[in-house]
Amino acid sequence: MVTSTISPPVAPAKRPLPTPKRASASPTRTRPRWPARLGFLFIGAGLALVPWLFVLASSLPATATAAHWPIAWVGLDTLEALALITTGVLLTRRDPRGSLTAIVTATLLTADAWFDVSTAAPGADQITAVAMAVCLEIPLAVLCTVLALRTLPRHS
């Protein structure tokens, strides 16, 4: 009786994978500890403000006169304009730093809406402040926040 054997197909020879090269011969560096420590410092500062909020709420007068009221508002609106322009320029250039300026712009717009509404005199001024906040400043701040999150560089 004659039997034949069929040998399986031969797979091509595999090449060894190249070994990854190290940037330097020094031992692996660990991450510096100061960012974590700085983070705890920021957390502590935020928590320290909580009792201060109660002091302010109970001791500040209901009304106040500001010596440089127009300068404060023009300064805030100037910062908003610069932030919007800078964000726009960086976004058109597809610069990843646009995410940073977008979140700064969102913060400025939110602060402006808050102070406009909370400092407006009752009546037409308050209606105008609320309308500006609801129709313009807050939606633009939300848009800037979404842009900041979508354009934030991703690192793997």
Protein backbone atom coordinates (compact mmCIF):
# COMPACT_ATOMS: atom_id res chain seq x y z
CA MET A 1 0.00 0.00 0.00
CA VAL A 2 1.36 3.31 -1.05
CA THR A 3 0.49 6.44 0.84
CA SER A 4 1.42 9.89 -0.10
CA THR A 5 1.90 12.72 2.27
CA ILE A 6 1.11 16.23 1.35
CA SER A 7 3.23 18.72 3.14
CA PRO A 8 1.62 21.98 4.30
CA PRO A 9 2.51 25.17 2.46
CA VAL A 10 5.64 26.86 3.74
CA ALA A 11 5.10 30.25 5.29
CA PRO A 12 7.46 33.02 4.26
CA ALA A 13 10.28 33.68 6.68
CA LYS A 14 9.50 36.39 9.22
CA ARG A 15 11.90 39.20 9.72
CA PRO A 16 12.68 40.17 13.29
CA LEU A 17 11.08 43.43 14.41
CA PRO A 18 13.51 46.27 14.91
CA THR A 19 14.14 47.16 18.52
CA PRO A 20 13.01 50.64 19.48
CA LYS A 21 15.80 53.14 19.87
CA ARG A 22 16.05 55.24 22.99
CA ALA A 23 16.53 58.95 22.72
CA SER A 24 19.37 58.82 25.23
CA ALA A 25 21.29 56.28 27.18
CA SER A 26 20.22 57.85 30.49
CA PRO A 27 17.77 56.00 32.71
CA THR A 28 14.06 56.69 32.25
CA ARG A 29 13.14 60.01 33.79
CA THR A 30 10.16 60.25 36.08
CA ARG A 31 7.68 63.06 35.80
CA PRO A 32 8.49 66.09 37.95
CA ARG A 33 6.47 66.37 41.15
CA TRP A 34 5.90 70.11 41.05
CA PRO A 35 2.78 70.02 38.79
CA ALA A 36 0.99 67.75 41.27
CA ARG A 37 2.11 69.90 44.19
CA LEU A 38 1.03 73.00 42.36
CA GLY A 39 -2.35 71.33 41.75
CA PHE A 40 -2.77 70.75 45.49
CA LEU A 41 -1.84 74.38 46.10
CA PHE A 42 -4.62 75.49 43.72
CA ILE A 43 -7.12 73.15 45.40
CA GLY A 44 -6.14 74.57 48.79
CA ALA A 45 -6.51 78.14 47.54
CA GLY A 46 -9.98 77.38 46.16
CA LEU A 47 -11.07 75.76 49.42
CA ALA A 48 -9.67 78.69 51.40
CA LEU A 49 -11.96 81.01 49.42
CA VAL A 50 -15.12 79.22 50.62
CA PRO A 51 -15.16 80.79 54.11
CA TRP A 52 -14.18 84.13 52.55
CA LEU A 53 -17.35 83.99 50.44
CA PHE A 54 -19.44 83.96 53.61
CA VAL A 55 -17.50 86.94 54.99
CA LEU A 56 -18.11 88.88 51.77
CA ALA A 57 -21.79 87.95 51.61
CA SER A 58 -22.39 89.18 55.14
CA SER A 59 -20.20 92.28 55.15
CA LEU A 60 -20.39 93.97 51.72
CA PRO A 61 -22.78 96.91 51.37
CA ALA A 62 -25.79 96.50 49.07
CA THR A 63 -24.66 99.43 46.92
CA ALA A 64 -21.29 100.97 46.18
CA THR A 65 -19.85 103.76 44.08
CA ALA A 66 -16.88 102.95 41.89
CA ALA A 67 -14.45 105.73 41.04
CA HIS A 68 -13.41 104.31 37.68
CA TRP A 69 -16.60 102.56 36.58
CA PRO A 70 -16.29 103.36 32.84
CA ILE A 71 -12.65 102.23 32.75
CA ALA A 72 -13.59 98.89 34.31
CA TRP A 73 -16.32 98.18 31.73
CA VAL A 74 -14.35 99.46 28.74
CA GLY A 75 -11.38 97.39 29.92
CA LEU A 76 -13.48 94.22 30.18
CA ASP A 77 -15.06 94.73 26.77
CA THR A 78 -11.62 95.48 25.29
CA LEU A 79 -10.32 92.17 26.65
CA GLU A 80 -13.35 90.41 25.16
CA ALA A 81 -12.72 91.99 21.76
CA LEU A 82 -9.04 91.02 21.83
CA ALA A 83 -9.90 87.48 22.93
CA LEU A 84 -12.49 87.08 20.15
CA ILE A 85 -10.08 88.41 17.51
CA THR A 86 -7.18 86.27 18.75
CA THR A 87 -9.37 83.17 18.88
CA GLY A 88 -10.64 83.85 15.37
CA VAL A 89 -7.13 84.32 13.98
CA LEU A 90 -5.83 81.16 15.63
CA LEU A 91 -8.83 79.12 14.51
CA THR A 92 -8.48 80.27 10.89
CA ARG A 93 -4.81 79.23 11.02
CA ARG A 94 -5.79 75.91 12.64
CA ASP A 95 -3.38 76.72 15.45
CA PRO A 96 -3.93 74.42 18.46
CA ARG A 97 -3.51 77.40 20.80
CA GLY A 98 -6.96 78.51 19.63
CA SER A 99 -8.44 76.16 22.22
CA LEU A 100 -6.78 78.19 24.97
CA THR A 101 -7.97 81.55 23.71
CA ALA A 102 -11.45 80.13 23.10
CA ILE A 103 -11.81 79.10 26.75
CA VAL A 104 -10.46 82.48 27.90
CA THR A 105 -13.02 84.17 25.64
CA ALA A 106 -15.81 82.00 27.08
CA THR A 107 -14.74 82.96 30.59
CA LEU A 108 -14.66 86.68 29.79
CA LEU A 109 -18.09 86.54 28.12
CA THR A 110 -19.59 84.67 31.07
CA ALA A 111 -18.11 87.14 33.56
CA ASP A 112 -19.41 90.05 31.48
CA ALA A 113 -22.92 88.57 31.37
CA TRP A 114 -22.86 87.95 35.12
CA PHE A 115 -21.76 91.47 36.01
CA ASP A 116 -24.04 93.12 33.44
CA VAL A 117 -27.09 91.38 34.86
CA SER A 118 -26.13 91.68 38.53
CA THR A 119 -25.18 95.37 38.40
CA ALA A 120 -27.92 96.65 36.08
CA ALA A 121 -30.47 99.06 37.50
CA PRO A 122 -34.04 97.73 37.64
CA GLY A 123 -36.16 98.46 34.59
CA ALA A 124 -34.95 98.95 31.03
CA ASP A 125 -31.25 98.55 31.97
CA GLN A 126 -31.87 95.17 33.55
CA ILE A 127 -34.04 93.98 30.64
CA THR A 128 -31.30 95.00 28.21
CA ALA A 129 -28.62 93.24 30.30
CA VAL A 130 -30.64 90.02 30.49
CA ALA A 131 -31.41 90.12 26.76
CA MET A 132 -27.72 90.65 25.92
CA ALA A 133 -26.71 87.80 28.23
CA VAL A 134 -29.32 85.33 26.97
CA CYS A 135 -29.16 86.19 23.27
CA LEU A 136 -25.49 87.01 22.77
CA GLU A 137 -22.97 86.56 25.57
CA ILE A 138 -23.95 83.14 26.96
CA PRO A 139 -24.53 81.48 23.55
CA LEU A 140 -21.20 82.84 22.34
CA ALA A 141 -19.52 81.60 25.53
CA VAL A 142 -21.02 78.13 24.97
CA LEU A 143 -19.82 78.17 21.36
CA CYS A 144 -16.32 79.12 22.50
CA THR A 145 -16.33 76.32 25.07
CA VAL A 146 -17.39 73.76 22.46
CA LEU A 147 -14.70 75.04 20.09
CA ALA A 148 -12.11 74.84 22.88
CA LEU A 149 -13.02 71.24 23.63
CA ARG A 150 -13.11 70.20 19.96
CA THR A 151 -9.84 71.89 19.03
CA LEU A 152 -7.95 70.80 22.15
CA PRO A 153 -4.88 68.87 21.00
CA ARG A 154 -5.09 65.16 21.81
CA HIS A 155 -1.95 63.44 23.03
CA SER A 156 -1.68 59.69 23.20
